[in-house]
């Protein structure tokens, strides 16, 4: 991602999802892993391993995010790639949102066995409900989707493993 920092200078930052609720933020000399708790309505609590916490507000305007970290400052974030590029980089078995929206239903849990065509997650986007269905038989490896949570195009919401692989 690119962001504009102090004096409107363009800077580069990387936010990488490590596991549900864990992220790594790399920006300049900063490289830190954080626990991220979704407080709802665009509010998040980031907690470092040393106990420091930050309250963050993220507002979406198309592909641009406006992020405010209380006591630190504000940034305007722009994603580098488009949804198609991000989908190709997704792990095998990953099911991703087709467009930005809000997760309205999560119908599976980690470890569930699913059949081809089973609905896994429902995303609301542009006043439409979009169902993500299993493309094949499998076992749910992980579920990153949470009801009420916003999602981006190409964001992995569920990962499937081959039956018997887990």
N, C-alpha and C. Protein backbone atom coordinates (compact mmCIF):
# COMPACT_ATOMS: atom_id res chain seq x y z
N UNK A 1 0.84 -1.17 0.00
CA UNK A 1 0.00 0.00 0.00
C UNK A 1 0.88 1.22 0.00
N UNK A 2 0.37 2.26 -0.53
CA UNK A 2 1.03 3.55 -0.44
C UNK A 2 0.18 4.42 0.45
N UNK A 3 0.84 5.28 1.20
CA UNK A 3 0.09 6.20 2.04
C UNK A 3 0.77 7.55 2.03
N UNK A 4 0.01 8.55 2.40
CA UNK A 4 0.55 9.91 2.48
C UNK A 4 0.72 10.23 3.95
N UNK A 5 1.93 10.53 4.33
CA UNK A 5 2.24 10.84 5.72
C UNK A 5 2.31 12.34 5.94
N UNK A 6 3.13 12.75 6.89
CA UNK A 6 3.30 14.17 7.19
C UNK A 6 3.77 14.92 5.96
N UNK A 7 3.34 16.15 5.84
CA UNK A 7 3.70 17.02 4.72
C UNK A 7 3.32 16.41 3.38
N UNK A 8 2.32 15.52 3.40
CA UNK A 8 1.77 14.91 2.18
C UNK A 8 2.82 14.17 1.36
N UNK A 9 3.84 13.61 2.04
CA UNK A 9 4.86 12.84 1.34
C UNK A 9 4.35 11.42 1.10
N UNK A 10 4.55 10.92 -0.11
CA UNK A 10 4.14 9.54 -0.40
C UNK A 10 5.11 8.59 0.29
N UNK A 11 4.58 7.59 0.96
CA UNK A 11 5.38 6.60 1.66
C UNK A 11 4.81 5.22 1.35
N UNK A 12 5.57 4.21 1.64
CA UNK A 12 5.12 2.86 1.38
C UNK A 12 4.97 2.10 2.68
N UNK A 13 3.92 1.30 2.78
CA UNK A 13 3.69 0.46 3.95
C UNK A 13 3.13 -0.87 3.47
N UNK A 14 3.35 -1.90 4.26
CA UNK A 14 2.82 -3.22 3.93
C UNK A 14 2.10 -3.75 5.16
N UNK A 15 0.87 -4.18 4.96
CA UNK A 15 0.08 -4.82 6.01
C UNK A 15 -0.20 -6.23 5.53
N UNK A 16 0.27 -7.21 6.28
CA UNK A 16 0.16 -8.60 5.87
C UNK A 16 -0.63 -9.37 6.93
N UNK A 17 -1.68 -10.05 6.50
CA UNK A 17 -2.46 -10.90 7.42
C UNK A 17 -1.66 -12.16 7.68
N UNK A 18 -1.38 -12.45 8.94
CA UNK A 18 -0.62 -13.64 9.31
C UNK A 18 -1.55 -14.80 9.66
N UNK A 19 -2.61 -14.49 10.33
CA UNK A 19 -3.61 -15.46 10.78
C UNK A 19 -4.83 -14.63 11.16
N UNK A 20 -5.98 -15.26 11.34
CA UNK A 20 -7.13 -14.46 11.78
C UNK A 20 -6.79 -13.69 13.06
N UNK A 21 -6.93 -12.36 12.98
CA UNK A 21 -6.67 -11.52 14.15
C UNK A 21 -5.22 -11.14 14.35
N UNK A 22 -4.30 -11.54 13.44
CA UNK A 22 -2.88 -11.19 13.56
C UNK A 22 -2.41 -10.57 12.25
N UNK A 23 -1.70 -9.44 12.35
CA UNK A 23 -1.16 -8.76 11.18
C UNK A 23 0.29 -8.35 11.43
N UNK A 24 1.01 -8.18 10.33
CA UNK A 24 2.37 -7.63 10.40
C UNK A 24 2.33 -6.31 9.63
N UNK A 25 2.85 -5.25 10.25
CA UNK A 25 2.91 -3.94 9.61
C UNK A 25 4.38 -3.60 9.40
N UNK A 26 4.73 -3.29 8.15
CA UNK A 26 6.09 -2.90 7.80
C UNK A 26 6.01 -1.55 7.10
N UNK A 27 6.70 -0.56 7.66
CA UNK A 27 6.73 0.79 7.08
C UNK A 27 8.05 1.42 7.48
N UNK A 28 8.92 1.66 6.50
CA UNK A 28 10.23 2.22 6.82
C UNK A 28 10.99 1.26 7.73
N UNK A 29 11.47 1.76 8.87
CA UNK A 29 12.20 0.94 9.83
C UNK A 29 11.27 0.13 10.73
N UNK A 30 9.97 0.39 10.66
CA UNK A 30 9.00 -0.30 11.51
C UNK A 30 8.67 -1.67 10.92
N UNK A 31 8.75 -2.70 11.76
CA UNK A 31 8.35 -4.05 11.38
C UNK A 31 7.80 -4.69 12.66
N UNK A 32 6.47 -4.74 12.77
CA UNK A 32 5.86 -5.19 14.02
C UNK A 32 4.68 -6.10 13.74
N UNK A 33 4.52 -7.14 14.58
CA UNK A 33 3.35 -8.00 14.53
C UNK A 33 2.36 -7.52 15.58
N UNK A 34 1.08 -7.49 15.20
CA UNK A 34 0.03 -6.97 16.08
C UNK A 34 -1.16 -7.91 16.10
N UNK A 35 -1.86 -7.90 17.23
CA UNK A 35 -3.15 -8.55 17.32
C UNK A 35 -4.19 -7.49 16.98
N UNK A 36 -5.12 -7.83 16.10
CA UNK A 36 -6.12 -6.88 15.64
C UNK A 36 -7.50 -7.36 16.06
N UNK A 37 -8.18 -6.55 16.87
CA UNK A 37 -9.54 -6.88 17.29
C UNK A 37 -10.52 -5.94 16.60
N UNK A 38 -11.47 -6.50 15.88
CA UNK A 38 -12.50 -5.71 15.19
C UNK A 38 -13.56 -5.32 16.22
N UNK A 39 -13.67 -4.02 16.49
CA UNK A 39 -14.64 -3.52 17.47
C UNK A 39 -15.97 -3.16 16.81
N UNK A 40 -16.04 -3.28 15.48
CA UNK A 40 -17.26 -2.97 14.74
C UNK A 40 -17.30 -1.52 14.30
N UNK A 41 -18.08 -1.24 13.29
CA UNK A 41 -18.30 0.11 12.77
C UNK A 41 -17.01 0.80 12.36
N UNK A 42 -16.05 0.04 11.80
CA UNK A 42 -14.81 0.62 11.33
C UNK A 42 -13.78 0.91 12.41
N UNK A 43 -14.02 0.43 13.63
CA UNK A 43 -13.07 0.63 14.72
C UNK A 43 -12.33 -0.66 15.02
N UNK A 44 -11.03 -0.54 15.30
CA UNK A 44 -10.18 -1.69 15.58
C UNK A 44 -9.27 -1.35 16.76
N UNK A 45 -8.86 -2.38 17.48
CA UNK A 45 -7.86 -2.22 18.54
C UNK A 45 -6.66 -3.06 18.13
N UNK A 46 -5.51 -2.40 17.97
CA UNK A 46 -4.27 -3.08 17.66
C UNK A 46 -3.46 -3.20 18.93
N UNK A 47 -2.94 -4.40 19.20
CA UNK A 47 -2.16 -4.64 20.41
C UNK A 47 -0.83 -5.28 20.02
N UNK A 48 0.25 -4.65 20.45
CA UNK A 48 1.59 -5.19 20.21
C UNK A 48 1.89 -6.24 21.27
N UNK A 49 2.86 -7.10 20.99
CA UNK A 49 3.22 -8.15 21.93
C UNK A 49 3.70 -7.60 23.27
N UNK A 50 4.22 -6.35 23.27
CA UNK A 50 4.68 -5.76 24.53
C UNK A 50 3.55 -5.07 25.31
N UNK A 51 2.30 -5.20 24.83
CA UNK A 51 1.15 -4.66 25.55
C UNK A 51 0.68 -3.29 25.11
N UNK A 52 1.46 -2.60 24.28
CA UNK A 52 1.00 -1.29 23.79
C UNK A 52 -0.24 -1.48 22.92
N UNK A 53 -1.20 -0.57 23.04
CA UNK A 53 -2.42 -0.67 22.23
C UNK A 53 -2.70 0.65 21.52
N UNK A 54 -3.37 0.52 20.38
CA UNK A 54 -3.80 1.68 19.61
C UNK A 54 -5.22 1.45 19.16
N UNK A 55 -6.00 2.50 19.19
CA UNK A 55 -7.36 2.45 18.67
C UNK A 55 -7.32 3.06 17.27
N UNK A 56 -7.88 2.33 16.31
CA UNK A 56 -7.78 2.72 14.90
C UNK A 56 -9.17 2.81 14.30
N UNK A 57 -9.38 3.85 13.51
CA UNK A 57 -10.63 3.99 12.75
C UNK A 57 -10.26 3.92 11.28
N UNK A 58 -10.97 3.09 10.52
CA UNK A 58 -10.73 2.94 9.09
C UNK A 58 -12.03 3.19 8.34
N UNK A 59 -12.00 4.16 7.45
CA UNK A 59 -13.16 4.48 6.62
C UNK A 59 -12.80 4.20 5.17
N UNK A 60 -13.74 3.63 4.44
CA UNK A 60 -13.52 3.24 3.05
C UNK A 60 -14.18 4.24 2.11
N UNK A 61 -13.45 4.58 1.05
CA UNK A 61 -13.98 5.42 -0.02
C UNK A 61 -13.51 4.79 -1.33
N UNK A 62 -14.27 3.80 -1.80
CA UNK A 62 -13.84 3.03 -2.97
C UNK A 62 -12.63 2.19 -2.61
N UNK A 63 -11.54 2.33 -3.38
CA UNK A 63 -10.33 1.56 -3.10
C UNK A 63 -9.40 2.30 -2.13
N UNK A 64 -9.80 3.48 -1.69
CA UNK A 64 -8.98 4.28 -0.77
C UNK A 64 -9.49 4.11 0.65
N UNK A 65 -8.56 3.95 1.58
CA UNK A 65 -8.90 3.85 3.01
C UNK A 65 -8.34 5.08 3.72
N UNK A 66 -9.14 5.65 4.58
CA UNK A 66 -8.70 6.75 5.44
C UNK A 66 -8.57 6.15 6.83
N UNK A 67 -7.34 6.13 7.34
CA UNK A 67 -7.06 5.48 8.61
C UNK A 67 -6.59 6.52 9.61
N UNK A 68 -7.20 6.51 10.80
CA UNK A 68 -6.80 7.39 11.88
C UNK A 68 -6.37 6.54 13.06
N UNK A 69 -5.15 6.73 13.51
CA UNK A 69 -4.64 6.04 14.70
C UNK A 69 -4.63 7.08 15.81
N UNK A 70 -5.48 6.87 16.84
CA UNK A 70 -5.60 7.84 17.91
C UNK A 70 -4.25 8.11 18.55
N UNK A 71 -3.91 9.39 18.68
CA UNK A 71 -2.67 9.79 19.30
C UNK A 71 -1.45 9.70 18.41
N UNK A 72 -1.63 9.22 17.17
CA UNK A 72 -0.50 9.06 16.26
C UNK A 72 -0.68 9.93 15.02
N UNK A 73 -1.79 9.78 14.32
CA UNK A 73 -2.02 10.57 13.12
C UNK A 73 -2.97 9.89 12.16
N UNK A 74 -2.99 10.42 10.94
CA UNK A 74 -3.90 9.93 9.92
C UNK A 74 -3.12 9.56 8.67
N UNK A 75 -3.70 8.68 7.87
CA UNK A 75 -3.09 8.30 6.60
C UNK A 75 -4.19 8.00 5.59
N UNK A 76 -3.87 8.21 4.34
CA UNK A 76 -4.74 7.86 3.22
C UNK A 76 -4.06 6.69 2.53
N UNK A 77 -4.69 5.51 2.55
CA UNK A 77 -4.08 4.30 2.00
C UNK A 77 -4.70 3.95 0.67
N UNK A 78 -3.85 3.57 -0.27
CA UNK A 78 -4.31 3.12 -1.58
C UNK A 78 -3.71 1.75 -1.84
N UNK A 79 -4.56 0.79 -2.18
CA UNK A 79 -4.07 -0.56 -2.49
C UNK A 79 -3.26 -0.50 -3.77
N UNK A 80 -2.17 -1.28 -3.83
CA UNK A 80 -1.31 -1.30 -5.01
C UNK A 80 -1.93 -2.05 -6.17
N UNK A 81 -2.52 -3.21 -5.89
CA UNK A 81 -3.00 -4.06 -6.97
C UNK A 81 -4.51 -4.06 -7.07
N UNK A 82 -4.98 -4.60 -8.14
CA UNK A 82 -6.41 -4.78 -8.35
C UNK A 82 -6.81 -6.15 -7.85
N UNK A 83 -8.12 -6.39 -7.73
CA UNK A 83 -8.62 -7.65 -7.20
C UNK A 83 -8.10 -8.88 -7.93
N UNK A 84 -8.01 -8.84 -9.25
CA UNK A 84 -7.56 -10.02 -9.99
C UNK A 84 -6.13 -10.40 -9.62
N UNK A 85 -5.26 -9.42 -9.52
CA UNK A 85 -3.87 -9.71 -9.15
C UNK A 85 -3.82 -10.32 -7.77
N UNK A 86 -4.58 -9.78 -6.85
CA UNK A 86 -4.57 -10.28 -5.49
C UNK A 86 -5.12 -11.70 -5.44
N UNK A 87 -6.09 -12.03 -6.27
CA UNK A 87 -6.65 -13.39 -6.26
C UNK A 87 -5.62 -14.40 -6.72
N UNK A 88 -4.81 -14.06 -7.71
CA UNK A 88 -3.79 -14.99 -8.18
C UNK A 88 -2.77 -15.27 -7.10
N UNK A 89 -2.52 -14.30 -6.20
CA UNK A 89 -1.54 -14.47 -5.14
C UNK A 89 -2.11 -15.21 -3.94
N UNK A 90 -3.41 -15.48 -3.94
CA UNK A 90 -4.06 -16.14 -2.81
C UNK A 90 -3.60 -17.60 -2.74
N UNK A 91 -3.58 -18.16 -1.52
CA UNK A 91 -3.18 -19.56 -1.38
C UNK A 91 -4.17 -20.50 -2.06
N UNK A 92 -3.69 -21.69 -2.43
CA UNK A 92 -4.56 -22.68 -3.05
C UNK A 92 -5.69 -23.03 -2.09
N UNK A 93 -6.91 -23.11 -2.60
CA UNK A 93 -8.06 -23.43 -1.77
C UNK A 93 -8.72 -22.20 -1.16
N UNK A 94 -8.17 -21.00 -1.44
CA UNK A 94 -8.72 -19.77 -0.87
C UNK A 94 -9.96 -19.33 -1.64
N UNK A 95 -10.98 -18.95 -0.92
CA UNK A 95 -12.19 -18.38 -1.52
C UNK A 95 -12.24 -16.92 -1.12
N UNK A 96 -12.34 -16.05 -2.12
CA UNK A 96 -12.23 -14.62 -1.90
C UNK A 96 -13.50 -13.89 -2.29
N UNK A 97 -13.66 -12.73 -1.69
CA UNK A 97 -14.78 -11.87 -2.03
C UNK A 97 -14.60 -11.35 -3.45
N UNK A 98 -15.69 -11.29 -4.21
CA UNK A 98 -15.62 -10.83 -5.58
C UNK A 98 -15.59 -9.32 -5.69
N UNK A 99 -16.10 -8.64 -4.66
CA UNK A 99 -16.12 -7.17 -4.66
C UNK A 99 -16.14 -6.68 -3.23
N UNK A 100 -15.82 -5.39 -3.01
CA UNK A 100 -15.88 -4.85 -1.66
C UNK A 100 -17.30 -4.96 -1.12
N UNK A 101 -17.43 -5.27 0.15
CA UNK A 101 -18.76 -5.38 0.74
C UNK A 101 -18.67 -5.65 2.23
N UNK A 102 -19.74 -6.22 2.77
CA UNK A 102 -19.84 -6.55 4.19
C UNK A 102 -20.26 -8.01 4.32
N UNK A 103 -19.58 -8.74 5.18
CA UNK A 103 -19.94 -10.13 5.43
C UNK A 103 -21.23 -10.13 6.25
N UNK A 104 -22.30 -10.76 5.72
CA UNK A 104 -23.57 -10.79 6.45
C UNK A 104 -23.86 -12.14 7.08
N UNK A 105 -23.28 -13.22 6.53
CA UNK A 105 -23.48 -14.55 7.12
C UNK A 105 -22.22 -15.39 6.92
N UNK A 106 -21.83 -16.08 7.97
CA UNK A 106 -20.76 -17.08 7.89
C UNK A 106 -21.43 -18.40 8.21
N UNK A 107 -21.45 -19.31 7.24
CA UNK A 107 -22.23 -20.53 7.35
C UNK A 107 -21.40 -21.76 7.71
N UNK A 108 -20.08 -21.59 7.84
CA UNK A 108 -19.19 -22.72 8.16
C UNK A 108 -18.22 -22.33 9.26
N UNK A 109 -17.59 -23.34 9.83
CA UNK A 109 -16.55 -23.14 10.84
C UNK A 109 -15.35 -23.99 10.47
N UNK A 110 -14.21 -23.68 11.03
CA UNK A 110 -13.00 -24.45 10.79
C UNK A 110 -13.25 -25.92 11.12
N UNK A 111 -12.83 -26.80 10.21
CA UNK A 111 -13.00 -28.23 10.43
C UNK A 111 -14.25 -28.82 9.81
N UNK A 112 -15.19 -27.97 9.37
CA UNK A 112 -16.42 -28.48 8.74
C UNK A 112 -16.09 -29.16 7.41
N UNK A 113 -16.82 -30.23 7.10
CA UNK A 113 -16.72 -30.89 5.81
C UNK A 113 -17.80 -30.30 4.92
N UNK A 114 -17.41 -29.90 3.70
CA UNK A 114 -18.36 -29.29 2.77
C UNK A 114 -18.35 -30.04 1.44
N UNK A 115 -19.45 -29.95 0.74
CA UNK A 115 -19.59 -30.56 -0.58
C UNK A 115 -19.59 -29.45 -1.63
N UNK A 116 -19.20 -29.81 -2.84
CA UNK A 116 -19.21 -28.86 -3.94
C UNK A 116 -20.59 -28.20 -4.03
N UNK A 117 -20.60 -26.85 -4.09
CA UNK A 117 -21.85 -26.11 -4.20
C UNK A 117 -22.42 -25.63 -2.88
N UNK A 118 -21.92 -26.14 -1.74
CA UNK A 118 -22.40 -25.67 -0.44
C UNK A 118 -22.06 -24.19 -0.27
N UNK A 119 -23.02 -23.40 0.25
CA UNK A 119 -22.76 -22.00 0.56
C UNK A 119 -21.90 -21.92 1.81
N UNK A 120 -20.88 -21.05 1.76
CA UNK A 120 -19.95 -20.92 2.87
C UNK A 120 -20.06 -19.56 3.57
N UNK A 121 -20.16 -18.50 2.77
CA UNK A 121 -20.21 -17.13 3.28
C UNK A 121 -21.13 -16.32 2.38
N UNK A 122 -21.85 -15.36 2.97
CA UNK A 122 -22.68 -14.43 2.19
C UNK A 122 -22.14 -13.03 2.42
N UNK A 123 -21.85 -12.33 1.31
CA UNK A 123 -21.34 -10.96 1.35
C UNK A 123 -22.39 -10.05 0.72
N UNK A 124 -22.65 -8.92 1.35
CA UNK A 124 -23.56 -7.93 0.76
C UNK A 124 -22.70 -6.84 0.12
N UNK A 125 -22.96 -6.59 -1.16
CA UNK A 125 -22.23 -5.57 -1.90
C UNK A 125 -23.19 -4.90 -2.87
N UNK A 126 -23.22 -3.61 -2.86
CA UNK A 126 -24.08 -2.83 -3.76
C UNK A 126 -25.53 -3.31 -3.68
N UNK A 127 -26.01 -3.53 -2.47
CA UNK A 127 -27.38 -3.95 -2.19
C UNK A 127 -27.73 -5.33 -2.75
N UNK A 128 -26.69 -6.15 -3.02
CA UNK A 128 -26.90 -7.51 -3.49
C UNK A 128 -26.25 -8.46 -2.49
N UNK A 129 -26.82 -9.65 -2.35
CA UNK A 129 -26.20 -10.68 -1.54
C UNK A 129 -25.45 -11.63 -2.48
N UNK A 130 -24.16 -11.81 -2.22
CA UNK A 130 -23.32 -12.66 -3.05
C UNK A 130 -22.89 -13.84 -2.19
N UNK A 131 -23.23 -15.05 -2.65
CA UNK A 131 -22.89 -16.26 -1.91
C UNK A 131 -21.58 -16.83 -2.43
N UNK A 132 -20.65 -17.11 -1.51
CA UNK A 132 -19.43 -17.82 -1.87
C UNK A 132 -19.70 -19.29 -1.61
N UNK A 133 -19.59 -20.10 -2.64
CA UNK A 133 -19.90 -21.52 -2.55
C UNK A 133 -18.64 -22.35 -2.73
N UNK A 134 -18.64 -23.54 -2.17
CA UNK A 134 -17.51 -24.45 -2.29
C UNK A 134 -17.35 -24.88 -3.75
N UNK A 135 -16.17 -24.69 -4.34
CA UNK A 135 -15.95 -25.09 -5.73
C UNK A 135 -15.74 -26.60 -5.87
N UNK A 136 -15.51 -27.27 -4.73
CA UNK A 136 -15.25 -28.71 -4.72
C UNK A 136 -15.53 -29.23 -3.32
N UNK A 137 -15.54 -30.54 -3.17
CA UNK A 137 -15.64 -31.14 -1.83
C UNK A 137 -14.37 -30.79 -1.07
N UNK A 138 -14.49 -30.63 0.25
CA UNK A 138 -13.30 -30.33 1.03
C UNK A 138 -13.60 -30.16 2.51
N UNK A 139 -12.57 -29.75 3.22
CA UNK A 139 -12.66 -29.47 4.65
C UNK A 139 -12.25 -28.02 4.85
N UNK A 140 -13.00 -27.29 5.66
CA UNK A 140 -12.70 -25.88 5.91
C UNK A 140 -11.41 -25.81 6.74
N UNK A 141 -10.36 -25.27 6.13
CA UNK A 141 -9.06 -25.12 6.80
C UNK A 141 -9.09 -23.92 7.74
N UNK A 142 -9.63 -22.78 7.27
CA UNK A 142 -9.70 -21.59 8.11
C UNK A 142 -10.83 -20.70 7.63
N UNK A 143 -11.34 -19.89 8.55
CA UNK A 143 -12.41 -18.92 8.25
C UNK A 143 -11.93 -17.56 8.76
N UNK A 144 -11.69 -16.64 7.82
CA UNK A 144 -11.26 -15.28 8.19
C UNK A 144 -12.45 -14.33 8.24
N UNK A 145 -13.58 -14.72 7.66
CA UNK A 145 -14.76 -13.87 7.61
C UNK A 145 -15.44 -13.81 8.98
N UNK A 146 -15.90 -12.63 9.33
CA UNK A 146 -16.67 -12.42 10.57
C UNK A 146 -17.91 -11.62 10.20
N UNK A 147 -19.06 -12.02 10.70
CA UNK A 147 -20.31 -11.31 10.38
C UNK A 147 -20.20 -9.85 10.79
N UNK A 148 -20.62 -8.97 9.87
CA UNK A 148 -20.58 -7.53 10.13
C UNK A 148 -19.27 -6.88 9.72
N UNK A 149 -18.27 -7.67 9.36
CA UNK A 149 -16.96 -7.17 8.98
C UNK A 149 -16.95 -6.76 7.51
N UNK A 150 -16.28 -5.66 7.19
CA UNK A 150 -16.09 -5.25 5.81
C UNK A 150 -15.05 -6.13 5.15
N UNK A 151 -15.12 -6.24 3.82
CA UNK A 151 -14.12 -7.02 3.09
C UNK A 151 -13.84 -6.32 1.76
N UNK A 152 -12.66 -6.59 1.23
CA UNK A 152 -12.23 -6.03 -0.04
C UNK A 152 -12.36 -7.07 -1.14
N UNK A 153 -12.37 -6.60 -2.38
CA UNK A 153 -12.34 -7.52 -3.52
C UNK A 153 -11.04 -8.29 -3.46
N UNK A 154 -11.12 -9.60 -3.59
CA UNK A 154 -9.93 -10.43 -3.57
C UNK A 154 -9.48 -10.85 -2.18
N UNK A 155 -10.14 -10.36 -1.14
CA UNK A 155 -9.76 -10.72 0.23
C UNK A 155 -10.20 -12.16 0.52
N UNK A 156 -9.28 -12.99 1.01
CA UNK A 156 -9.59 -14.37 1.33
C UNK A 156 -10.50 -14.42 2.55
N UNK A 157 -11.65 -15.10 2.41
CA UNK A 157 -12.61 -15.22 3.50
C UNK A 157 -12.63 -16.63 4.08
N UNK A 158 -12.40 -17.65 3.23
CA UNK A 158 -12.40 -19.05 3.67
C UNK A 158 -11.32 -19.79 2.89
N UNK A 159 -10.65 -20.72 3.56
CA UNK A 159 -9.69 -21.59 2.88
C UNK A 159 -10.16 -23.03 3.03
N UNK A 160 -10.13 -23.76 1.90
CA UNK A 160 -10.52 -25.17 1.89
C UNK A 160 -9.29 -26.05 1.69
N UNK A 161 -9.31 -27.21 2.33
CA UNK A 161 -8.29 -28.22 2.12
C UNK A 161 -8.97 -29.42 1.47
N UNK A 162 -8.17 -30.27 0.86
CA UNK A 162 -8.70 -31.50 0.27
C UNK A 162 -9.27 -32.37 1.39
N UNK A 163 -10.31 -33.14 1.12
CA UNK A 163 -10.85 -34.03 2.16
C UNK A 163 -9.73 -34.96 2.67
N UNK A 164 -9.65 -35.09 3.98
CA UNK A 164 -8.63 -35.94 4.58
C UNK A 164 -7.26 -35.33 4.70
N UNK A 165 -7.08 -34.09 4.20
CA UNK A 165 -5.76 -33.44 4.23
C UNK A 165 -5.48 -32.81 5.59
N UNK A 166 -6.49 -32.52 6.35
CA UNK A 166 -6.28 -31.82 7.63
C UNK A 166 -6.35 -32.77 8.77
